Amino acid sequence: MIPDGDLPPPVKGIKDVVEAERVRCFRLDKPIGKQNYRIPYGQYGMFVKSTVPVVVQFGRADVRQPNLAYYCTMAYLVK
C-alpha cells in the first residue's frame, strides 16, 4: 500500500516462496517477488498472506545517510 497522491495505485499479488523453517529477507530497495517488482521511493505498507502459520518481522536500515540507522518491529505470528 502506498499513500494517496501522484503515485500509482497499490500493487497486489506479488508472490514469493519460503521453504519451511527458513528465513527470507526481502530488501525493499531491490526488486521483490517472482514479478521482480520495485517499490517506488517513499512511504509504503505491506500485507503478508500465507497458506500456513508464519512469523513476520519487519526491520528497516536507513541507507540514506552514512550512520546506517536500523530499527525493527517485534515479530508477529500470523495464523
N, C-alpha and C. Protein backbone atom coordinates (compact mmCIF):
# COMPACT_ATOMS: atom_id res chain seq x y z
N MET A 1 0.85 -1.16 0.00
CA MET A 1 0.00 0.00 0.00
C MET A 1 0.90 1.23 0.00
N ILE A 2 0.50 2.25 -0.71
CA ILE A 2 1.25 3.50 -0.74
C ILE A 2 0.27 4.65 -0.53
N PRO A 3 0.73 5.80 -0.04
CA PRO A 3 -0.19 6.89 0.27
C PRO A 3 -0.84 7.47 -0.97
N ASP A 4 -1.97 8.19 -0.75
CA ASP A 4 -2.65 8.86 -1.85
C ASP A 4 -1.75 9.94 -2.45
N GLY A 5 -2.04 10.33 -3.63
CA GLY A 5 -1.27 11.39 -4.27
C GLY A 5 -1.01 11.04 -5.72
N ASP A 6 0.14 11.44 -6.19
CA ASP A 6 0.50 11.23 -7.59
C ASP A 6 1.08 9.84 -7.85
N LEU A 7 1.17 9.02 -6.83
CA LEU A 7 1.75 7.69 -7.01
C LEU A 7 0.75 6.74 -7.63
N PRO A 8 1.23 5.67 -8.24
CA PRO A 8 0.31 4.68 -8.84
C PRO A 8 -0.48 3.95 -7.75
N PRO A 9 -1.57 3.28 -8.12
CA PRO A 9 -2.36 2.54 -7.13
C PRO A 9 -1.55 1.37 -6.57
N PRO A 10 -1.98 0.82 -5.40
CA PRO A 10 -1.25 -0.30 -4.80
C PRO A 10 -1.12 -1.48 -5.76
N VAL A 11 -0.03 -2.18 -5.65
CA VAL A 11 0.21 -3.39 -6.45
C VAL A 11 -0.08 -4.59 -5.56
N LYS A 12 -0.88 -5.51 -6.06
CA LYS A 12 -1.25 -6.69 -5.28
C LYS A 12 -0.76 -7.94 -5.99
N GLY A 13 -0.65 -9.03 -5.24
CA GLY A 13 -0.32 -10.31 -5.84
C GLY A 13 1.16 -10.55 -6.07
N ILE A 14 2.03 -9.81 -5.40
CA ILE A 14 3.47 -10.09 -5.51
C ILE A 14 3.72 -11.38 -4.74
N LYS A 15 4.29 -12.37 -5.40
CA LYS A 15 4.42 -13.70 -4.79
C LYS A 15 5.87 -14.13 -4.68
N ASP A 16 6.15 -14.85 -3.61
CA ASP A 16 7.45 -15.48 -3.41
C ASP A 16 7.23 -16.71 -2.55
N VAL A 17 8.17 -17.62 -2.53
CA VAL A 17 8.05 -18.86 -1.77
C VAL A 17 9.20 -18.93 -0.77
N VAL A 18 8.86 -19.29 0.46
CA VAL A 18 9.86 -19.51 1.51
C VAL A 18 9.65 -20.92 2.02
N GLU A 19 10.69 -21.71 1.97
CA GLU A 19 10.59 -23.10 2.43
C GLU A 19 10.35 -23.15 3.94
N ALA A 20 9.82 -24.26 4.44
CA ALA A 20 9.52 -24.43 5.86
C ALA A 20 10.77 -24.25 6.72
N GLU A 21 10.58 -23.64 7.88
CA GLU A 21 11.63 -23.42 8.87
C GLU A 21 12.84 -22.68 8.31
N ARG A 22 12.57 -21.70 7.45
CA ARG A 22 13.63 -20.89 6.84
C ARG A 22 13.32 -19.42 7.05
N VAL A 23 14.34 -18.61 6.91
CA VAL A 23 14.21 -17.16 7.00
C VAL A 23 14.41 -16.58 5.61
N ARG A 24 13.58 -15.64 5.24
CA ARG A 24 13.72 -14.98 3.94
C ARG A 24 13.76 -13.49 4.19
N CYS A 25 14.83 -12.85 3.80
CA CYS A 25 14.97 -11.40 3.96
C CYS A 25 14.70 -10.74 2.61
N PHE A 26 13.80 -9.79 2.60
CA PHE A 26 13.47 -9.04 1.39
C PHE A 26 14.04 -7.65 1.54
N ARG A 27 14.93 -7.26 0.68
CA ARG A 27 15.41 -5.87 0.64
C ARG A 27 14.45 -5.10 -0.23
N LEU A 28 13.75 -4.18 0.37
CA LEU A 28 12.70 -3.48 -0.35
C LEU A 28 13.23 -2.38 -1.26
N ASP A 29 14.54 -2.15 -1.25
CA ASP A 29 15.13 -1.23 -2.23
C ASP A 29 15.58 -1.98 -3.48
N LYS A 30 15.36 -3.28 -3.49
CA LYS A 30 15.68 -4.14 -4.64
C LYS A 30 14.37 -4.76 -5.14
N PRO A 31 14.34 -5.24 -6.37
CA PRO A 31 13.12 -5.91 -6.87
C PRO A 31 12.74 -7.10 -5.98
N ILE A 32 11.42 -7.27 -5.74
CA ILE A 32 10.95 -8.35 -4.86
C ILE A 32 9.95 -9.24 -5.60
N GLY A 33 9.82 -10.46 -5.10
CA GLY A 33 8.84 -11.39 -5.63
C GLY A 33 9.23 -11.96 -6.98
N LYS A 34 8.45 -12.92 -7.40
CA LYS A 34 8.70 -13.54 -8.70
C LYS A 34 8.49 -12.55 -9.85
N GLN A 35 7.74 -11.48 -9.58
CA GLN A 35 7.48 -10.46 -10.60
C GLN A 35 8.61 -9.42 -10.66
N ASN A 36 9.59 -9.50 -9.74
CA ASN A 36 10.68 -8.50 -9.65
C ASN A 36 10.13 -7.08 -9.58
N TYR A 37 9.12 -6.89 -8.72
CA TYR A 37 8.51 -5.58 -8.57
C TYR A 37 9.42 -4.67 -7.74
N ARG A 38 9.59 -3.44 -8.17
CA ARG A 38 10.39 -2.46 -7.43
C ARG A 38 9.44 -1.44 -6.80
N ILE A 39 9.48 -1.34 -5.47
CA ILE A 39 8.63 -0.41 -4.74
C ILE A 39 9.10 1.02 -5.01
N PRO A 40 8.19 1.94 -5.35
CA PRO A 40 8.59 3.32 -5.59
C PRO A 40 9.15 3.95 -4.31
N TYR A 41 10.05 4.91 -4.45
CA TYR A 41 10.60 5.60 -3.29
C TYR A 41 9.49 6.32 -2.54
N GLY A 42 9.51 6.28 -1.23
CA GLY A 42 8.52 6.95 -0.41
C GLY A 42 7.98 6.01 0.65
N GLN A 43 6.87 6.37 1.24
CA GLN A 43 6.28 5.54 2.28
C GLN A 43 5.46 4.42 1.66
N TYR A 44 5.36 3.31 2.37
CA TYR A 44 4.61 2.17 1.88
C TYR A 44 4.20 1.30 3.05
N GLY A 45 3.26 0.43 2.83
CA GLY A 45 2.84 -0.57 3.79
C GLY A 45 2.84 -1.92 3.10
N MET A 46 2.68 -2.96 3.89
CA MET A 46 2.76 -4.30 3.30
C MET A 46 1.81 -5.24 4.04
N PHE A 47 1.10 -6.06 3.27
CA PHE A 47 0.31 -7.17 3.81
C PHE A 47 1.04 -8.45 3.45
N VAL A 48 1.06 -9.41 4.37
CA VAL A 48 1.67 -10.71 4.10
C VAL A 48 0.58 -11.76 4.26
N LYS A 49 0.42 -12.60 3.24
CA LYS A 49 -0.53 -13.70 3.30
C LYS A 49 0.23 -15.01 3.17
N SER A 50 -0.25 -16.03 3.85
CA SER A 50 0.39 -17.34 3.80
C SER A 50 -0.67 -18.42 3.92
N THR A 51 -0.39 -19.57 3.34
CA THR A 51 -1.30 -20.71 3.45
C THR A 51 -1.06 -21.50 4.73
N VAL A 52 0.02 -21.20 5.44
CA VAL A 52 0.37 -21.84 6.71
C VAL A 52 0.75 -20.75 7.71
N PRO A 53 0.73 -21.05 9.03
CA PRO A 53 1.14 -20.04 10.01
C PRO A 53 2.60 -19.62 9.79
N VAL A 54 2.85 -18.32 9.86
CA VAL A 54 4.21 -17.79 9.71
C VAL A 54 4.47 -16.73 10.76
N VAL A 55 5.73 -16.46 11.02
CA VAL A 55 6.14 -15.35 11.88
C VAL A 55 6.72 -14.28 10.97
N VAL A 56 6.20 -13.06 11.10
CA VAL A 56 6.62 -11.95 10.26
C VAL A 56 7.29 -10.89 11.13
N GLN A 57 8.47 -10.45 10.72
CA GLN A 57 9.16 -9.37 11.43
C GLN A 57 9.66 -8.38 10.39
N PHE A 58 9.46 -7.10 10.65
CA PHE A 58 9.85 -6.07 9.70
C PHE A 58 10.94 -5.22 10.32
N GLY A 59 12.01 -4.99 9.57
CA GLY A 59 13.09 -4.11 10.01
C GLY A 59 13.45 -3.17 8.88
N ARG A 60 14.12 -2.09 9.24
CA ARG A 60 14.49 -1.12 8.21
C ARG A 60 15.87 -0.56 8.51
N ALA A 61 16.70 -0.51 7.49
CA ALA A 61 18.00 0.15 7.57
C ALA A 61 17.91 1.43 6.76
N ASP A 62 18.19 2.56 7.37
CA ASP A 62 18.16 3.84 6.66
C ASP A 62 19.49 4.04 5.96
N VAL A 63 19.53 3.74 4.69
CA VAL A 63 20.78 3.81 3.92
C VAL A 63 20.97 5.17 3.27
N ARG A 64 20.11 6.14 3.61
CA ARG A 64 20.23 7.47 3.01
C ARG A 64 21.33 8.30 3.64
N GLN A 65 21.88 7.87 4.76
CA GLN A 65 22.95 8.62 5.41
C GLN A 65 24.01 7.63 5.90
N PRO A 66 25.24 8.08 6.18
CA PRO A 66 26.35 7.15 6.44
C PRO A 66 26.26 6.39 7.76
N ASN A 67 25.44 6.82 8.71
CA ASN A 67 25.38 6.13 10.01
C ASN A 67 24.59 4.82 9.94
N LEU A 68 23.86 4.59 8.88
CA LEU A 68 23.14 3.34 8.64
C LEU A 68 22.24 2.96 9.82
N ALA A 69 21.35 3.85 10.21
CA ALA A 69 20.43 3.59 11.32
C ALA A 69 19.54 2.39 10.99
N TYR A 70 19.25 1.56 12.00
CA TYR A 70 18.42 0.38 11.81
C TYR A 70 17.37 0.31 12.91
N TYR A 71 16.16 -0.05 12.55
CA TYR A 71 15.16 -0.34 13.56
C TYR A 71 14.33 -1.51 13.08
N CYS A 72 13.70 -2.20 14.01
CA CYS A 72 12.85 -3.33 13.63
C CYS A 72 11.63 -3.36 14.53
N THR A 73 10.69 -4.16 14.15
CA THR A 73 9.46 -4.33 14.93
C THR A 73 9.50 -5.70 15.62
N MET A 74 8.61 -5.90 16.56
CA MET A 74 8.50 -7.20 17.20
C MET A 74 7.93 -8.20 16.20
N ALA A 75 8.38 -9.43 16.27
CA ALA A 75 7.84 -10.47 15.40
C ALA A 75 6.38 -10.70 15.77
N TYR A 76 5.58 -11.04 14.76
CA TYR A 76 4.15 -11.21 14.94
C TYR A 76 3.73 -12.50 14.26
N LEU A 77 3.10 -13.38 15.01
CA LEU A 77 2.64 -14.65 14.46
C LEU A 77 1.36 -14.40 13.66
N VAL A 78 1.36 -14.80 12.41
CA VAL A 78 0.19 -14.69 11.56
C VAL A 78 -0.44 -16.07 11.43
N LYS A 79 -1.69 -16.20 11.82
CA LYS A 79 -2.36 -17.50 11.76
C LYS A 79 -3.27 -17.58 10.58
